[in-house]
Amino acid sequence: EIGLAWGVFFGGVIQFLFQIPFLLQEKALVKPSWGWNHPGVVKIRTLMIPALFGVSVSQINLLLDTFIASFLVTGSISWLYYSDRLLEFPLGLFGIAIATVILPALSKKHVNAEGEGFGRTMDWGIRAILLLGLPAMMGLIVLAQPMLMVLFMRGAFSISDVEMASYSLVAYGTGLLSFMLIKVLAPGYYARQDTKTPVRYGIIAMVSNMGFNIIFAVPFGYVGLAIATSLSALLNAALLYRGLHLADVYRVSRQTIIFFIKTLLAAAAMVCLLIYFSPEQAQWLGWSFIERVSHLFSLILGGALGYFMALVLLG
């Protein structure tokens, strides 16, 4: 455990040091100086404080879920934790990456008063999320148990834990696309230096999550907490889009709606392929660790190829 903690620390240090040569190359590495009252610093500080809360809503929800799970059946916290770790992987890999890419472009379009260009950039971000997020969401749901087996089933983590964690992973997985859309829709506000509106919507989503927790935790236990988190993410994404729509800043184009239908059909074809070729649980249990890894990798690779072939066929 101590070794893992040190690994996280050194990983952060290496990530920081890795950027310095590139900053030097761009002549963007300047000597730090204290300027707390500089107008630019004051402006950034004013914008940053609400933005910090806005991006932390999902983490606050997770903290609340963990607190409530501590009152539920033993193991609930662990099952939710392992599910969340798997959810964060595609979210960080695709959602945050796309959001990071489009924010500077959106800011530039806003400053230059390019309303049409702003909408096109938002559209590109939504399409990129649909292209990568839909198959990631479907794959996470269909391959929940095999992934948990390969990654965590050893030592005290039994097949029973795999099954229990898979239920919350499926519930979390249904909200993956909503989590990704939040990452892309929120920059539509940040680019216009509006950090307060996403926070307001985030607070509404957080309060709603508490209500959903009460509604779903009683009949479904820890799985209900995951359902509540996914529903609150959907609400947050819907509010963000509604705000942009009403402000006439961004409206989903007809082409993007058609694109969504095509990606949905391709993702459905991928799901059929995965279900058809997925072995039964007894087979997974009979294989060695290496065999499980190779079969899981084959399913993921085959699913991805099937998905993109379906996209090509759909034009």
Protein backbone atom coordinates (compact mmCIF):
# COMPACT_ATOMS: atom_id res chain seq x y z
CA GLU A 1 0.00 0.00 0.00
CA ILE A 2 2.82 2.40 0.86
CA GLY A 3 4.50 1.50 -2.43
CA LEU A 4 1.31 2.35 -4.34
CA ALA A 5 1.10 5.72 -2.57
CA TRP A 6 4.73 6.52 -3.48
CA GLY A 7 3.94 5.46 -7.04
CA VAL A 8 1.17 8.07 -7.25
CA PHE A 9 3.52 10.74 -5.84
CA PHE A 10 6.39 10.01 -8.24
CA GLY A 11 3.93 9.73 -11.15
CA GLY A 12 2.76 13.28 -10.42
CA VAL A 13 6.35 14.58 -10.15
CA ILE A 14 7.32 12.95 -13.48
CA GLN A 15 4.21 14.36 -15.16
CA PHE A 16 5.18 17.83 -13.90
CA LEU A 17 8.85 17.57 -14.94
CA PHE A 18 7.93 16.14 -18.35
CA GLN A 19 6.30 19.46 -19.34
CA ILE A 20 9.26 21.72 -18.49
CA PRO A 21 11.43 21.04 -21.61
CA PHE A 22 8.44 21.80 -23.87
CA LEU A 23 7.70 25.02 -21.97
CA LEU A 24 11.35 26.04 -22.37
CA GLN A 25 11.18 25.25 -26.08
CA GLU A 26 8.14 27.50 -26.44
CA LYS A 27 9.81 30.17 -24.25
CA ALA A 28 6.74 30.02 -22.01
CA LEU A 29 8.59 29.25 -18.76
CA VAL A 30 8.79 32.51 -16.84
CA LYS A 31 10.17 33.37 -13.42
CA PRO A 32 7.33 33.28 -10.87
CA SER A 33 6.46 36.56 -9.15
CA TRP A 34 3.86 37.37 -6.51
CA GLY A 35 0.94 39.33 -7.96
CA TRP A 36 -2.07 38.53 -5.80
CA ASN A 37 -3.68 41.93 -6.48
CA HIS A 38 -2.83 42.12 -10.18
CA PRO A 39 -6.08 42.70 -12.19
CA GLY A 40 -5.46 39.58 -14.28
CA VAL A 41 -4.88 37.42 -11.19
CA VAL A 42 -8.00 38.85 -9.50
CA LYS A 43 -10.06 38.05 -12.61
CA ILE A 44 -8.73 34.48 -12.83
CA ARG A 45 -9.31 33.98 -9.10
CA THR A 46 -12.89 35.22 -9.40
CA LEU A 47 -13.59 32.87 -12.30
CA MET A 48 -11.69 29.94 -10.82
CA ILE A 49 -13.39 29.62 -7.42
CA PRO A 50 -16.88 28.73 -8.73
CA ALA A 51 -15.30 26.61 -11.51
CA LEU A 52 -13.48 24.53 -8.89
CA PHE A 53 -16.79 23.63 -7.29
CA GLY A 54 -18.39 22.97 -10.67
CA VAL A 55 -15.84 20.33 -11.67
CA SER A 56 -15.92 18.71 -8.23
CA VAL A 57 -19.67 17.96 -8.15
CA SER A 58 -19.19 14.35 -9.28
CA GLN A 59 -16.54 13.82 -6.59
CA ILE A 60 -18.82 15.30 -3.93
CA ASN A 61 -21.59 12.97 -5.10
CA LEU A 62 -19.18 10.03 -4.86
CA LEU A 63 -18.26 11.07 -1.31
CA LEU A 64 -21.94 11.21 -0.35
CA ASP A 65 -22.52 7.81 -1.98
CA THR A 66 -19.63 6.35 0.00
CA PHE A 67 -20.99 7.81 3.24
CA ILE A 68 -24.45 6.31 2.63
CA ALA A 69 -22.91 3.00 1.49
CA SER A 70 -21.19 2.71 4.87
CA PHE A 71 -24.65 2.11 6.38
CA LEU A 72 -25.51 -0.61 3.85
CA VAL A 73 -24.46 -4.26 3.53
CA THR A 74 -20.77 -4.99 4.18
CA GLY A 75 -18.77 -4.64 0.95
CA SER A 76 -20.92 -1.87 -0.54
CA ILE A 77 -18.13 0.72 -0.36
CA SER A 78 -15.64 -1.59 -2.08
CA TRP A 79 -18.07 -2.59 -4.84
CA LEU A 80 -18.85 1.07 -5.56
CA TYR A 81 -15.18 2.01 -5.45
CA TYR A 82 -14.05 -0.64 -7.95
CA SER A 83 -16.95 0.25 -10.25
CA ASP A 84 -16.04 3.94 -10.10
CA ARG A 85 -12.39 3.19 -10.94
CA LEU A 86 -13.45 1.46 -14.15
CA LEU A 87 -15.85 4.30 -14.98
CA GLU A 88 -13.13 6.94 -14.53
CA PHE A 89 -10.82 5.28 -17.08
CA PRO A 90 -12.82 6.02 -20.28
CA LEU A 91 -14.03 9.29 -18.75
CA GLY A 92 -10.46 10.50 -18.25
CA LEU A 93 -9.18 8.99 -21.48
CA PHE A 94 -11.85 10.42 -23.79
CA GLY A 95 -14.10 12.92 -22.01
CA ILE A 96 -11.48 15.09 -20.33
CA ALA A 97 -9.12 14.85 -23.33
CA ILE A 98 -11.79 16.15 -25.74
CA ALA A 99 -12.84 18.88 -23.28
CA THR A 100 -9.20 20.01 -22.96
CA VAL A 101 -8.87 20.19 -26.74
CA ILE A 102 -12.03 22.22 -27.46
CA LEU A 103 -11.78 24.82 -24.63
CA PRO A 104 -9.03 26.98 -26.27
CA ALA A 105 -10.85 26.80 -29.62
CA LEU A 106 -14.15 27.82 -28.03
CA SER A 107 -12.48 30.71 -26.18
CA LYS A 108 -10.91 31.95 -29.42
CA LYS A 109 -14.23 31.77 -31.29
CA HIS A 110 -16.00 33.66 -28.47
CA VAL A 111 -13.35 36.42 -28.34
CA ASN A 112 -13.52 36.83 -32.13
CA ALA A 113 -17.35 36.84 -32.00
CA GLU A 114 -17.55 33.82 -34.31
CA GLY A 115 -20.95 32.50 -33.25
CA GLU A 116 -21.16 30.00 -36.09
CA GLY A 117 -17.62 28.78 -35.46
CA PHE A 118 -18.41 28.40 -31.75
CA GLY A 119 -21.40 26.20 -32.58
CA ARG A 120 -19.37 24.10 -35.04
CA THR A 121 -16.66 23.51 -32.43
CA MET A 122 -19.27 22.46 -29.85
CA ASP A 123 -20.81 20.16 -32.46
CA TRP A 124 -17.41 18.60 -33.11
CA GLY A 125 -16.97 17.99 -29.38
CA ILE A 126 -20.42 16.36 -29.08
CA ARG A 127 -19.74 14.11 -32.08
CA ALA A 128 -16.34 13.09 -30.71
CA ILE A 129 -18.01 12.17 -27.40
CA LEU A 130 -20.69 10.15 -29.21
CA LEU A 131 -18.11 8.42 -31.40
CA LEU A 132 -15.99 7.26 -28.46
CA GLY A 133 -18.41 7.44 -25.53
CA LEU A 134 -21.22 5.27 -26.88
CA PRO A 135 -19.08 2.16 -27.55
CA ALA A 136 -17.18 2.74 -24.28
CA MET A 137 -20.48 2.86 -22.37
CA MET A 138 -21.92 -0.22 -24.10
CA GLY A 139 -18.67 -2.16 -23.74
CA LEU A 140 -18.40 -1.29 -20.05
CA ILE A 141 -21.92 -2.61 -19.44
CA VAL A 142 -21.59 -5.82 -21.49
CA LEU A 143 -18.06 -6.70 -20.31
CA ALA A 144 -18.53 -5.61 -16.69
CA GLN A 145 -17.89 -9.03 -15.14
CA PRO A 146 -14.93 -10.07 -17.37
CA MET A 147 -13.15 -6.76 -16.74
CA LEU A 148 -13.64 -7.01 -12.98
CA MET A 149 -12.40 -10.62 -13.06
CA VAL A 150 -9.23 -9.72 -14.91
CA LEU A 151 -8.43 -6.59 -12.93
CA PHE A 152 -9.44 -7.46 -9.37
CA MET A 153 -10.41 -11.13 -8.84
CA ARG A 154 -7.58 -12.42 -6.68
CA GLY A 155 -6.91 -12.79 -2.97
CA ALA A 156 -9.99 -11.91 -0.93
CA PHE A 157 -11.81 -10.53 -4.01
CA SER A 158 -13.99 -13.51 -4.99
CA ILE A 159 -16.38 -14.24 -7.86
CA SER A 160 -19.19 -13.14 -5.52
CA ASP A 161 -17.51 -9.71 -5.23
CA VAL A 162 -17.15 -9.62 -9.03
CA GLU A 163 -20.89 -10.19 -9.44
CA MET A 164 -21.83 -7.60 -6.82
CA ALA A 165 -19.44 -4.98 -8.22
CA SER A 166 -20.67 -5.67 -11.77
CA TYR A 167 -24.20 -4.58 -10.80
CA SER A 168 -23.02 -1.15 -9.66
CA LEU A 169 -20.66 -0.92 -12.66
CA VAL A 170 -23.61 -1.46 -15.03
CA ALA A 171 -25.57 1.24 -13.15
CA TYR A 172 -22.61 3.64 -13.29
CA GLY A 173 -21.97 2.69 -16.93
CA THR A 174 -25.41 3.93 -18.02
CA GLY A 175 -24.29 7.42 -16.95
CA LEU A 176 -20.89 7.39 -18.70
CA LEU A 177 -22.14 9.29 -21.77
CA SER A 178 -23.77 11.92 -19.52
CA PHE A 179 -20.51 12.36 -17.56
CA MET A 180 -18.63 12.82 -20.86
CA LEU A 181 -21.18 15.30 -22.21
CA ILE A 182 -20.82 17.39 -19.04
CA LYS A 183 -17.08 17.63 -19.73
CA VAL A 184 -17.80 19.01 -23.22
CA LEU A 185 -20.86 21.18 -22.50
CA ALA A 186 -19.35 22.95 -19.46
CA PRO A 187 -16.48 24.49 -21.54
CA GLY A 188 -19.23 26.17 -23.60
CA TYR A 189 -19.79 28.31 -20.49
CA TYR A 190 -16.15 28.57 -19.37
CA ALA A 191 -15.08 29.82 -22.82
CA ARG A 192 -17.51 32.74 -22.35
CA GLN A 193 -16.10 33.34 -18.84
CA ASP A 194 -19.38 32.16 -17.27
CA THR A 195 -18.34 29.91 -14.41
CA LYS A 196 -21.37 30.56 -12.21
CA THR A 197 -24.07 28.91 -14.37
CA PRO A 198 -22.41 25.44 -14.45
CA VAL A 199 -22.02 25.70 -10.66
CA ARG A 200 -25.72 26.48 -10.27
CA TYR A 201 -26.61 23.48 -12.40
CA GLY A 202 -24.09 21.40 -10.48
CA ILE A 203 -25.75 22.29 -7.18
CA ILE A 204 -29.17 21.33 -8.61
CA ALA A 205 -27.70 17.99 -9.78
CA MET A 206 -26.04 17.41 -6.40
CA VAL A 207 -29.26 18.08 -4.46
CA SER A 208 -31.15 15.86 -6.93
CA ASN A 209 -28.57 13.13 -6.35
CA MET A 210 -29.38 13.20 -2.64
CA GLY A 211 -33.07 12.81 -3.47
CA PHE A 212 -32.37 9.99 -5.93
CA ASN A 213 -30.23 8.29 -3.26
CA ILE A 214 -33.17 8.22 -0.87
CA ILE A 215 -35.52 6.92 -3.60
CA PHE A 216 -33.25 4.17 -4.98
CA ALA A 217 -31.05 3.16 -2.03
CA VAL A 218 -33.96 1.63 -0.11
CA PRO A 219 -35.07 -0.90 -2.77
CA PHE A 220 -31.72 -1.41 -4.56
CA GLY A 221 -29.09 -0.77 -1.86
CA TYR A 222 -25.62 0.23 -3.12
CA VAL A 223 -26.75 -0.27 -6.76
CA GLY A 224 -29.40 2.39 -6.11
CA LEU A 225 -26.61 4.83 -5.20
CA ALA A 226 -24.95 4.19 -8.57
CA ILE A 227 -28.30 4.65 -10.35
CA ALA A 228 -28.79 7.95 -8.50
CA THR A 229 -25.34 9.18 -9.57
CA SER A 230 -26.03 8.34 -13.23
CA LEU A 231 -29.43 10.07 -13.12
CA SER A 232 -27.96 13.21 -11.54
CA ALA A 233 -25.28 13.27 -14.27
CA LEU A 234 -28.00 13.04 -16.92
CA LEU A 235 -29.85 15.93 -15.27
CA ASN A 236 -26.64 18.00 -15.11
CA ALA A 237 -25.90 17.41 -18.81
CA ALA A 238 -29.51 18.24 -19.77
CA LEU A 239 -29.41 21.51 -17.79
CA LEU A 240 -26.09 22.52 -19.36
CA TYR A 241 -27.41 21.90 -22.87
CA ARG A 242 -30.72 23.64 -22.11
CA GLY A 243 -28.83 26.72 -20.88
CA LEU A 244 -26.75 26.92 -24.06
CA HIS A 245 -29.86 26.31 -26.18
CA LEU A 246 -31.95 29.02 -24.48
CA ALA A 247 -29.06 31.51 -24.70
CA ASP A 248 -28.87 30.75 -28.44
CA VAL A 249 -25.21 29.86 -28.00
CA TYR A 250 -25.38 26.26 -29.19
CA ARG A 251 -28.06 24.02 -30.65
CA VAL A 252 -27.47 20.46 -31.79
CA SER A 253 -27.37 20.37 -35.57
CA ARG A 254 -29.41 18.00 -37.73
CA GLN A 255 -26.15 16.40 -38.90
CA THR A 256 -25.19 15.60 -35.30
CA ILE A 257 -28.57 13.97 -34.65
CA ILE A 258 -28.06 11.77 -37.73
CA PHE A 259 -24.51 11.07 -36.53
CA PHE A 260 -25.92 10.00 -33.14
CA ILE A 261 -28.36 7.56 -34.77
CA LYS A 262 -25.56 6.02 -36.85
CA THR A 263 -23.20 5.65 -33.87
CA LEU A 264 -26.05 4.16 -31.82
CA LEU A 265 -26.73 1.56 -34.53
CA ALA A 266 -23.01 0.77 -34.80
CA ALA A 267 -22.73 0.44 -31.01
CA ALA A 268 -25.77 -1.88 -31.01
CA ALA A 269 -24.07 -4.06 -33.63
CA MET A 270 -20.96 -4.13 -31.42
CA VAL A 271 -23.04 -5.23 -28.42
CA CYS A 272 -24.58 -8.10 -30.42
CA LEU A 273 -21.08 -9.16 -31.46
CA LEU A 274 -19.77 -9.08 -27.87
CA ILE A 275 -22.75 -10.99 -26.48
CA TYR A 276 -22.45 -13.65 -29.20
CA PHE A 277 -18.73 -14.28 -28.61
CA SER A 278 -18.64 -13.78 -24.82
CA PRO A 279 -17.97 -17.07 -22.96
CA GLU A 280 -20.09 -18.19 -20.02
CA GLN A 281 -18.97 -17.31 -16.49
CA ALA A 282 -17.96 -20.94 -15.84
CA GLN A 283 -15.48 -20.76 -18.73
CA TRP A 284 -13.94 -17.55 -17.42
CA LEU A 285 -13.50 -19.19 -14.01
CA GLY A 286 -11.84 -22.25 -15.56
CA TRP A 287 -9.17 -20.18 -17.35
CA SER A 288 -5.84 -19.03 -15.98
CA PHE A 289 -5.13 -15.31 -15.53
CA ILE A 290 -3.26 -15.12 -18.85
CA GLU A 291 -6.12 -16.83 -20.69
CA ARG A 292 -8.63 -14.39 -19.17
CA VAL A 293 -6.49 -11.42 -20.22
CA SER A 294 -6.08 -12.69 -23.80
CA HIS A 295 -9.81 -13.45 -24.18
CA LEU A 296 -10.82 -10.07 -22.74
CA PHE A 297 -8.34 -8.29 -25.02
CA SER A 298 -9.70 -10.25 -28.01
CA LEU A 299 -13.27 -9.27 -27.14
CA ILE A 300 -12.37 -5.58 -26.77
CA LEU A 301 -10.35 -5.54 -29.99
CA GLY A 302 -13.03 -7.50 -31.88
CA GLY A 303 -15.77 -5.23 -30.54
CA ALA A 304 -13.83 -2.11 -31.57
CA LEU A 305 -13.22 -3.48 -35.08
CA GLY A 306 -16.88 -4.48 -35.41
CA TYR A 307 -17.97 -1.02 -34.26
CA PHE A 308 -15.80 0.87 -36.75
CA MET A 309 -16.73 -1.51 -39.58
CA ALA A 310 -20.40 -0.82 -38.81
CA LEU A 311 -19.66 2.92 -38.87
CA VAL A 312 -18.01 2.58 -42.29
CA LEU A 313 -21.02 0.62 -43.61
CA LEU A 314 -23.36 3.31 -42.24
CA GLY A 315 -21.33 6.00 -44.00
